[in-house]
C-alpha atoms as a PDB file:
ATOM      1  CA  MET A   1     -86.740 -91.169   7.748  1.00  0.00           C
ATOM      2  CA  LYS A   2     -89.865 -91.861   5.444  1.00  0.00           C
ATOM      3  CA  LEU A   3     -90.049 -90.246   1.975  1.00  0.00           C
ATOM      4  CA  GLY A   4     -92.643 -90.053  -0.445  1.00  0.00           C
ATOM      5  CA  ILE A   5     -92.315 -88.895  -3.942  1.00  0.00           C
ATOM      6  CA  MET A   6     -94.878 -88.052  -6.488  1.00  0.00           C
ATOM      7  CA  GLN A   7     -95.116 -85.788  -9.447  1.00  0.00           C
ATOM      8  CA  PRO A   8     -96.891 -82.552  -9.284  1.00  0.00           C
ATOM      9  CA  TYR A   9    -100.606 -82.902  -9.682  1.00  0.00           C
ATOM     10  CA  LEU A  10    -103.558 -80.185  -9.900  1.00  0.00           C
ATOM     11  CA  PHE A  11    -105.579 -80.398  -6.815  1.00  0.00           C
ATOM     12  CA  PRO A  12    -104.899 -84.241  -6.283  1.00  0.00           C
ATOM     13  CA  TYR A  13    -107.359 -86.614  -4.640  1.00  0.00           C
ATOM     14  CA  ILE A  14    -106.841 -87.079  -0.913  1.00  0.00           C
ATOM     15  CA  GLY A  15    -104.438 -90.073  -1.182  1.00  0.00           C
ATOM     16  CA  TYR A  16    -101.893 -87.562  -2.227  1.00  0.00           C
ATOM     17  CA  PHE A  17    -102.393 -85.607   0.872  1.00  0.00           C
ATOM     18  CA  GLN A  18    -102.349 -88.807   2.991  1.00  0.00           C
ATOM     19  CA  LEU A  19     -99.088 -89.909   1.510  1.00  0.00           C
ATOM     20  CA  ILE A  20     -97.650 -86.211   2.269  1.00  0.00           C
ATOM     21  CA  ASN A  21     -99.083 -86.475   5.852  1.00  0.00           C
ATOM     22  CA  CYS A  22     -97.291 -89.733   6.731  1.00  0.00           C
ATOM     23  CA  SER A  23     -94.031 -89.021   4.957  1.00  0.00           C
ATOM     24  CA  ASP A  24     -90.905 -87.153   7.215  1.00  0.00           C
ATOM     25  CA  LEU A  25     -89.996 -85.483   3.720  1.00  0.00           C
ATOM     26  CA  PHE A  26     -92.162 -85.253   0.562  1.00  0.00           C
ATOM     27  CA  VAL A  27     -90.279 -84.864  -2.839  1.00  0.00           C
ATOM     28  CA  ILE A  28     -92.417 -83.386  -5.608  1.00  0.00           C
ATOM     29  CA  TYR A  29     -91.027 -84.976  -8.653  1.00  0.00           C
ATOM     30  CA  ASP A  30     -90.828 -82.417 -11.323  1.00  0.00           C
ATOM     31  CA  ASP A  31     -87.718 -83.088 -13.436  1.00  0.00           C
ATOM     32  CA  VAL A  32     -88.918 -86.131 -15.154  1.00  0.00           C
ATOM     33  CA  GLN A  33     -91.003 -86.045 -18.673  1.00  0.00           C
ATOM     34  CA  TYR A  34     -94.474 -84.523 -18.726  1.00  0.00           C
ATOM     35  CA  ILE A  35     -96.858 -87.023 -19.805  1.00  0.00           C
ATOM     36  CA  ASN A  36     -99.959 -86.175 -21.601  1.00  0.00           C
ATOM     37  CA  ARG A  37    -103.433 -87.379 -20.056  1.00  0.00           C
ATOM     38  CA  GLY A  38    -102.340 -87.488 -16.663  1.00  0.00           C
ATOM     39  CA  TRP A  39    -103.116 -85.491 -13.566  1.00  0.00           C
ATOM     40  CA  ILE A  40    -100.629 -83.007 -13.733  1.00  0.00           C
ATOM     41  CA  ASN A  41    -102.875 -80.276 -15.382  1.00  0.00           C
ATOM     42  CA  ARG A  42    -106.317 -81.863 -14.934  1.00  0.00           C
ATOM     43  CA  ASN A  43    -108.666 -83.425 -12.415  1.00  0.00           C
ATOM     44  CA  ARG A  44    -112.254 -84.184 -11.619  1.00  0.00           C
ATOM     45  CA  LEU A  45    -114.989 -82.388  -9.714  1.00  0.00           C
ATOM     46  CA  LEU A  46    -118.765 -83.197  -8.501  1.00  0.00           C
ATOM     47  CA  ASN A  47    -121.530 -81.719 -11.159  1.00  0.00           C
ATOM     48  CA  LYS A  48    -124.915 -83.065 -10.304  1.00  0.00           C
ATOM     49  CA  GLY A  49    -123.810 -85.944  -8.952  1.00  0.00           C
ATOM     50  CA  GLN A  50    -121.359 -87.300 -11.811  1.00  0.00           C
ATOM     51  CA  PRO A  51    -117.495 -86.629 -12.025  1.00  0.00           C
ATOM     52  CA  PHE A  52    -116.502 -83.413 -14.314  1.00  0.00           C
ATOM     53  CA  LEU A  53    -113.206 -83.354 -15.579  1.00  0.00           C
ATOM     54  CA  PHE A  54    -111.435 -79.934 -15.965  1.00  0.00           C
ATOM     55  CA  THR A  55    -108.057 -79.210 -17.514  1.00  0.00           C
ATOM     56  CA  LEU A  56    -105.860 -76.106 -17.374  1.00  0.00           C
ATOM     57  CA  SER A  57    -104.402 -76.320 -21.004  1.00  0.00           C
ATOM     58  CA  LEU A  58    -100.432 -76.066 -21.625  1.00  0.00           C
ATOM     59  CA  LYS A  59     -98.383 -74.433 -24.401  1.00  0.00           C
ATOM     60  CA  LYS A  60     -97.699 -76.443 -27.171  1.00  0.00           C
ATOM     61  CA  ASP A  61     -93.924 -77.485 -26.914  1.00  0.00           C
ATOM     62  CA  SER A  62     -91.674 -80.456 -27.188  1.00  0.00           C
ATOM     63  CA  SER A  63     -93.082 -83.749 -25.776  1.00  0.00           C
ATOM     64  CA  THR A  64     -89.583 -84.464 -24.457  1.00  0.00           C
ATOM     65  CA  LEU A  65     -89.722 -81.752 -21.850  1.00  0.00           C
ATOM     66  CA  ASN A  66     -89.677 -82.322 -18.355  1.00  0.00           C
ATOM     67  CA  ILE A  67     -92.735 -81.171 -16.121  1.00  0.00           C
ATOM     68  CA  ASN A  68     -90.429 -78.226 -14.680  1.00  0.00           C
ATOM     69  CA  GLU A  69     -89.875 -77.212 -18.249  1.00  0.00           C
ATOM     70  CA  ARG A  70     -93.439 -76.885 -19.336  1.00  0.00           C
ATOM     71  CA  MET A  71     -95.611 -73.679 -19.201  1.00  0.00           C
ATOM     72  CA  PHE A  72     -99.456 -73.216 -19.153  1.00  0.00           C
ATOM     73  CA  SER A  73    -101.035 -71.638 -22.298  1.00  0.00           C
ATOM     74  CA  ASP A  74    -101.636 -67.924 -22.677  1.00  0.00           C
ATOM     75  CA  ASP A  75    -105.423 -68.526 -21.937  1.00  0.00           C
ATOM     76  CA  PHE A  76    -104.514 -69.611 -18.236  1.00  0.00           C
ATOM     77  CA  ASP A  77    -106.300 -66.489 -16.542  1.00  0.00           C
ATOM     78  CA  ASN A  78    -109.402 -67.063 -18.585  1.00  0.00           C
ATOM     79  CA  GLU A  79    -109.283 -71.009 -17.617  1.00  0.00           C
ATOM     80  CA  SER A  80    -108.753 -70.055 -14.185  1.00  0.00           C
ATOM     81  CA  GLN A  81    -111.651 -67.731 -13.857  1.00  0.00           C
ATOM     82  CA  LYS A  82    -113.880 -70.230 -15.871  1.00  0.00           C
ATOM     83  CA  LEU A  83    -112.867 -73.080 -13.077  1.00  0.00           C
ATOM     84  CA  LEU A  84    -113.714 -70.634 -10.275  1.00  0.00           C
ATOM     85  CA  LYS A  85    -117.111 -69.881 -11.890  1.00  0.00           C
ATOM     86  CA  SER A  86    -117.481 -73.852 -12.328  1.00  0.00           C
ATOM     87  CA  LEU A  87    -116.863 -74.187  -8.744  1.00  0.00           C
ATOM     88  CA  GLU A  88    -119.466 -71.607  -7.827  1.00  0.00           C
ATOM     89  CA  TYR A  89    -121.919 -73.257  -9.897  1.00  0.00           C
ATOM     90  CA  PHE A  90    -121.267 -76.820  -8.883  1.00  0.00           C
ATOM     91  CA  TYR A  91    -120.808 -76.207  -4.925  1.00  0.00           C
ATOM     92  CA  SER A  92    -122.484 -72.996  -3.996  1.00  0.00           C
ATOM     93  CA  LYS A  93    -124.744 -75.021  -1.531  1.00  0.00           C
ATOM     94  CA  ALA A  94    -121.869 -77.203  -0.072  1.00  0.00           C
ATOM     95  CA  PRO A  95    -121.261 -76.553   3.753  1.00  0.00           C
ATOM     96  CA  HIS A  96    -117.573 -75.353   3.327  1.00  0.00           C
ATOM     97  CA  PHE A  97    -117.915 -73.711   0.123  1.00  0.00           C
ATOM     98  CA  ARG A  98    -116.811 -69.987   1.279  1.00  0.00           C
ATOM     99  CA  GLU A  99    -113.911 -71.084   3.086  1.00  0.00           C
ATOM    100  CA  THR A 100    -112.811 -73.451   0.184  1.00  0.00           C
ATOM    101  CA  MET A 101    -113.396 -70.605  -2.577  1.00  0.00           C
ATOM    102  CA  ASN A 102    -111.035 -68.311  -0.784  1.00  0.00           C
ATOM    103  CA  LEU A 103    -108.372 -70.693  -0.473  1.00  0.00           C
ATOM    104  CA  ILE A 104    -108.677 -71.812  -4.280  1.00  0.00           C
ATOM    105  CA  ALA A 105    -108.917 -68.097  -5.158  1.00  0.00           C
ATOM    106  CA  ASP A 106    -105.905 -67.425  -3.151  1.00  0.00           C
ATOM    107  CA  ILE A 107    -103.863 -70.199  -4.958  1.00  0.00           C
ATOM    108  CA  PHE A 108    -104.638 -68.594  -8.386  1.00  0.00           C
ATOM    109  CA  GLN A 109    -103.260 -65.460  -7.256  1.00  0.00           C
ATOM    110  CA  PHE A 110     -99.740 -66.968  -7.343  1.00  0.00           C
ATOM    111  CA  LYS A 111     -98.713 -65.678 -11.010  1.00  0.00           C
ATOM    112  CA  THR A 112     -96.571 -67.990 -12.815  1.00  0.00           C
ATOM    113  CA  PRO A 113     -96.725 -69.793 -16.173  1.00  0.00           C
ATOM    114  CA  ASN A 114     -94.617 -72.561 -15.059  1.00  0.00           C
ATOM    115  CA  ILE A 115     -96.616 -75.682 -14.282  1.00  0.00           C
ATOM    116  CA  SER A 116     -94.291 -77.124 -11.653  1.00  0.00           C
ATOM    117  CA  GLU A 117     -93.990 -73.768  -9.732  1.00  0.00           C
ATOM    118  CA  PHE A 118     -97.885 -73.256  -9.765  1.00  0.00           C
ATOM    119  CA  ILE A 119     -98.842 -76.772  -8.512  1.00  0.00           C
ATOM    120  CA  SER A 120     -95.803 -76.853  -5.965  1.00  0.00           C
ATOM    121  CA  ASN A 121     -97.400 -73.618  -4.576  1.00  0.00           C
ATOM    122  CA  GLN A 122    -100.845 -75.102  -4.595  1.00  0.00           C
ATOM    123  CA  ILE A 123     -99.937 -78.429  -2.920  1.00  0.00           C
ATOM    124  CA  SER A 124     -98.068 -76.047  -0.151  1.00  0.00           C
ATOM    125  CA  LYS A 125    -101.193 -73.840   0.232  1.00  0.00           C
ATOM    126  CA  VAL A 126    -103.410 -76.715   0.682  1.00  0.00           C
ATOM    127  CA  CYS A 127    -101.021 -78.550   3.160  1.00  0.00           C
ATOM    128  CA  GLU A 128    -100.909 -75.191   5.158  1.00  0.00           C
ATOM    129  CA  HIS A 129    -104.699 -75.101   5.243  1.00  0.00           C
ATOM    130  CA  LEU A 130    -104.971 -78.563   6.469  1.00  0.00           C
ATOM    131  CA  ASP A 131    -102.303 -78.055   9.024  1.00  0.00           C
ATOM    132  CA  ILE A 132     -99.867 -80.664   7.324  1.00  0.00           C
ATOM    133  CA  LYS A 133     -96.576 -80.059   8.532  1.00  0.00           C
ATOM    134  CA  THR A 134     -94.332 -82.169   6.101  1.00  0.00           C
ATOM    135  CA  PRO A 135     -91.415 -80.230   4.406  1.00  0.00           C
ATOM    136  CA  LEU A 136     -91.838 -80.271   0.758  1.00  0.00           C
ATOM    137  CA  LEU A 137     -88.993 -80.255  -1.680  1.00  0.00           C
ATOM    138  CA  LEU A 138     -88.781 -80.198  -5.616  1.00  0.00           C
ATOM    139  CA  SER A 139     -86.742 -83.139  -7.460  1.00  0.00           C
ATOM    140  CA  SER A 140     -84.964 -80.707  -9.519  1.00  0.00           C
ATOM    141  CA  LYS A 141     -83.330 -78.993  -6.696  1.00  0.00           C
ATOM    142  CA  ILE A 142     -81.739 -82.143  -5.254  1.00  0.00           C
ATOM    143  CA  ASN A 143     -78.174 -82.816  -6.546  1.00  0.00           C
ATOM    144  CA  ARG A 144     -78.807 -86.272  -7.958  1.00  0.00           C
ATOM    145  CA  ASP A 145     -77.824 -88.574 -10.921  1.00  0.00           C
ATOM    146  CA  LEU A 146     -80.175 -87.351 -13.699  1.00  0.00           C
ATOM    147  CA  SER A 147     -78.803 -90.513 -15.919  1.00  0.00           C
ATOM    148  CA  LEU A 148     -80.906 -92.682 -13.386  1.00  0.00           C
ATOM    149  CA  LYS A 149     -84.457 -93.698 -14.566  1.00  0.00           C
ATOM    150  CA  GLY A 150     -87.324 -95.390 -13.294  1.00  0.00           C
ATOM    151  CA  VAL A 151     -86.860 -97.332  -9.933  1.00  0.00           C
ATOM    152  CA  ASP A 152     -83.028 -96.481  -9.999  1.00  0.00           C
ATOM    153  CA  ALA A 153     -83.779 -92.776  -9.862  1.00  0.00           C
ATOM    154  CA  ILE A 154     -86.351 -92.998  -6.920  1.00  0.00           C
ATOM    155  CA  ILE A 155     -83.528 -95.328  -5.090  1.00  0.00           C
ATOM    156  CA  ASP A 156     -80.933 -92.568  -5.779  1.00  0.00           C
ATOM    157  CA  ILE A 157     -83.334 -89.705  -4.466  1.00  0.00           C
ATOM    158  CA  VAL A 158     -83.984 -91.598  -1.200  1.00  0.00           C
ATOM    159  CA  ARG A 159     -80.271 -92.454  -0.720  1.00  0.00           C
ATOM    160  CA  VAL A 160     -79.358 -88.847  -1.354  1.00  0.00           C
ATOM    161  CA  LEU A 161     -81.671 -87.601   0.947  1.00  0.00           C
ATOM    162  CA  ARG A 162     -80.669 -90.115   3.596  1.00  0.00           C
ATOM    163  CA  GLY A 163     -84.045 -91.938   3.916  1.00  0.00           C
ATOM    164  CA  ASP A 164     -84.540 -95.544   4.727  1.00  0.00           C
ATOM    165  CA  HIS A 165     -88.284 -95.840   4.080  1.00  0.00           C
ATOM    166  CA  TYR A 166     -90.124 -95.138   0.788  1.00  0.00           C
ATOM    167  CA  ILE A 167     -93.791 -94.967   0.709  1.00  0.00           C
ATOM    168  CA  ASN A 168     -95.603 -95.215  -2.792  1.00  0.00           C
ATOM    169  CA  PRO A 169     -99.326 -95.305  -3.452  1.00  0.00           C
ATOM    170  CA  ILE A 170    -100.721 -98.789  -3.685  1.00  0.00           C
ATOM    171  CA  GLY A 171    -100.638 -98.486  -7.557  1.00  0.00           C
ATOM    172  CA  GLY A 172     -97.035 -98.995  -7.548  1.00  0.00           C
ATOM    173  CA  THR A 173     -97.083-102.737  -6.560  1.00  0.00           C
ATOM    174  CA  ASN A 174     -96.560-103.704 -10.142  1.00  0.00           C
ATOM    175  CA  LEU A 175     -93.670-101.215 -10.758  1.00  0.00           C
ATOM    176  CA  TYR A 176     -91.458-101.694  -7.571  1.00  0.00           C
ATOM    177  CA  SER A 177     -90.206-105.034  -6.075  1.00  0.00           C
ATOM    178  CA  LYS A 178     -89.216-105.182  -2.196  1.00  0.00           C
ATOM    179  CA  ASN A 179     -85.717-106.680  -3.180  1.00  0.00           C
ATOM    180  CA  GLN A 180     -85.014-103.630  -5.331  1.00  0.00           C
ATOM    181  CA  PHE A 181     -85.355-101.469  -2.225  1.00  0.00           C
ATOM    182  CA  ASP A 182     -83.729-104.149   0.346  1.00  0.00           C
ATOM    183  CA  ILE A 183     -80.393-104.288  -1.353  1.00  0.00           C
ATOM    184  CA  ASN A 184     -80.160-100.635  -1.009  1.00  0.00           C
ATOM    185  CA  GLY A 185     -80.935-100.604   2.749  1.00  0.00           C
ATOM    186  CA  ILE A 186     -84.597 -98.987   2.039  1.00  0.00           C
ATOM    187  CA  GLN A 187     -87.843-100.360   3.507  1.00  0.00           C
ATOM    188  CA  LEU A 188     -90.685-100.302   0.812  1.00  0.00           C
ATOM    189  CA  SER A 189     -94.413 -99.603   1.857  1.00  0.00           C
ATOM    190  CA  PHE A 190     -97.356 -99.031  -0.154  1.00  0.00           C
ATOM    191  CA  LEU A 191    -100.120 -96.668   0.912  1.00  0.00           C
ATOM    192  CA  LYS A 192    -103.656 -98.074   0.370  1.00  0.00           C
ATOM    193  CA  THR A 193    -106.395 -95.460   0.761  1.00  0.00           C
ATOM    194  CA  ASN A 194    -109.222 -97.019   2.951  1.00  0.00           C
ATOM    195  CA  ASN A 195    -112.940 -96.732   1.735  1.00  0.00           C
ATOM    196  CA  ILE A 196    -113.415 -92.916   2.256  1.00  0.00           C
ATOM    197  CA  ARG A 197    -117.094 -91.761   1.931  1.00  0.00           C
ATOM    198  CA  TYR A 198    -118.650 -88.228   3.127  1.00  0.00           C
ATOM    199  CA  PRO A 199    -121.847 -86.789   2.175  1.00  0.00           C
ATOM    200  CA  GLN A 200    -122.037 -85.046  -1.254  1.00  0.00           C
ATOM    201  CA  PHE A 201    -125.293 -83.147  -1.218  1.00  0.00           C
ATOM    202  CA  ASN A 202    -127.987 -85.834  -1.320  1.00  0.00           C
ATOM    203  CA  ASN A 203    -126.373 -88.226  -3.812  1.00  0.00           C
ATOM    204  CA  ASP A 204    -127.468 -91.861  -3.376  1.00  0.00           C
ATOM    205  CA  GLU A 205    -124.009 -93.049  -4.643  1.00  0.00           C
ATOM    206  CA  PHE A 206    -120.706 -91.417  -3.424  1.00  0.00           C
ATOM    207  CA  VAL A 207    -118.392 -90.372  -6.339  1.00  0.00           C
ATOM    208  CA  SER A 208    -114.928 -91.245  -5.158  1.00  0.00           C
ATOM    209  CA  ASN A 209    -111.370 -90.191  -6.044  1.00  0.00           C
ATOM    210  CA  LEU A 210    -112.153 -86.695  -7.054  1.00  0.00           C
ATOM    211  CA  SER A 211    -110.076 -83.654  -6.501  1.00  0.00           C
ATOM    212  CA  ILE A 212    -109.159 -82.569  -3.077  1.00  0.00           C
ATOM    213  CA  ILE A 213    -111.367 -79.609  -3.845  1.00  0.00           C
ATOM    214  CA  ASP A 214    -114.469 -81.838  -3.324  1.00  0.00           C
ATOM    215  CA  VAL A 215    -113.131 -83.249   0.086  1.00  0.00           C
ATOM    216  CA  LEU A 216    -112.519 -79.271   1.425  1.00  0.00           C
ATOM    217  CA  MET A 217    -116.079 -78.461  -0.124  1.00  0.00           C
ATOM    218  CA  PHE A 218    -117.881 -81.147   2.247  1.00  0.00           C
ATOM    219  CA  ASN A 219    -115.653 -81.706   5.196  1.00  0.00           C
ATOM    220  CA  SER A 220    -114.479 -79.226   7.856  1.00  0.00           C
ATOM    221  CA  LYS A 221    -110.687 -79.277   8.692  1.00  0.00           C
ATOM    222  CA  SER A 222    -111.249 -81.532  11.741  1.00  0.00           C
ATOM    223  CA  GLU A 223    -112.858 -83.882   9.551  1.00  0.00           C
ATOM    224  CA  ILE A 224    -110.510 -83.992   6.686  1.00  0.00           C
ATOM    225  CA  SER A 225    -107.691 -84.566   9.599  1.00  0.00           C
ATOM    226  CA  GLU A 226    -109.602 -87.845  10.321  1.00  0.00           C
ATOM    227  CA  LEU A 227    -109.754 -88.840   6.636  1.00  0.00           C
ATOM    228  CA  LEU A 228    -106.044 -88.217   6.192  1.00  0.00           C
ATOM    229  CA  LEU A 229    -105.404 -91.105   8.724  1.00  0.00           C
ATOM    230  CA  LYS A 230    -107.737 -93.544   6.869  1.00  0.00           C
ATOM    231  CA  TYR A 231    -105.056 -95.564   5.066  1.00  0.00           C
ATOM    232  CA  GLU A 232    -103.094 -98.681   5.422  1.00  0.00           C
ATOM    233  CA  LEU A 233     -99.083 -99.089   5.014  1.00  0.00           C
ATOM    234  CA  ILE A 234     -98.700-102.404   3.106  1.00  0.00           C
ATOM    235  CA  LYS A 235     -95.151-103.998   3.383  1.00  0.00           C
END
């Protein structure tokens, strides 16, 4: 069984959904420490041909708390409405604007201050929209050894779930070694997203690695299904 494991990211880039799509089971890694300035509560959109960073702010709290213990700020409703207005301003002339806006608006109807719960629901909704059938599981719901950290924790999750193949994004090549997984009877692969391009209005230069929202605005479901397969698994 192939497993993918990633922290919950806010409207992540298409490579995140490629990883979900190619896994037999995908674990949302939500019981690890929240790290500032990552992709958990922010991402990038396209604004006049340039990347635009948006953020949903969090309540001030201890830096030692795990992701599933952190909450959005009390300004969440205002910030989410502001984001929806930004989407309308940035993408109103995109070919799949209305369908995508309906999806995003539906996602924001899920009322919870907990960032793990909100983002997990968001990931599930996007997967359902794109007909990605891979089951999703929160790491905080797994009976695992919480004393383990780093690669040992990943291997423990794979073993507890009886997986035999762990797939990580290509950025993890410097973090994980094949030998660490081999001695535990687990195959290690890295997912490398191919050079994905699609029309972004009349831009001369393609802006890559934006939020999945950008992909949804400019591509039909069938086109995205093809994009989800544009990757290589590197052993």
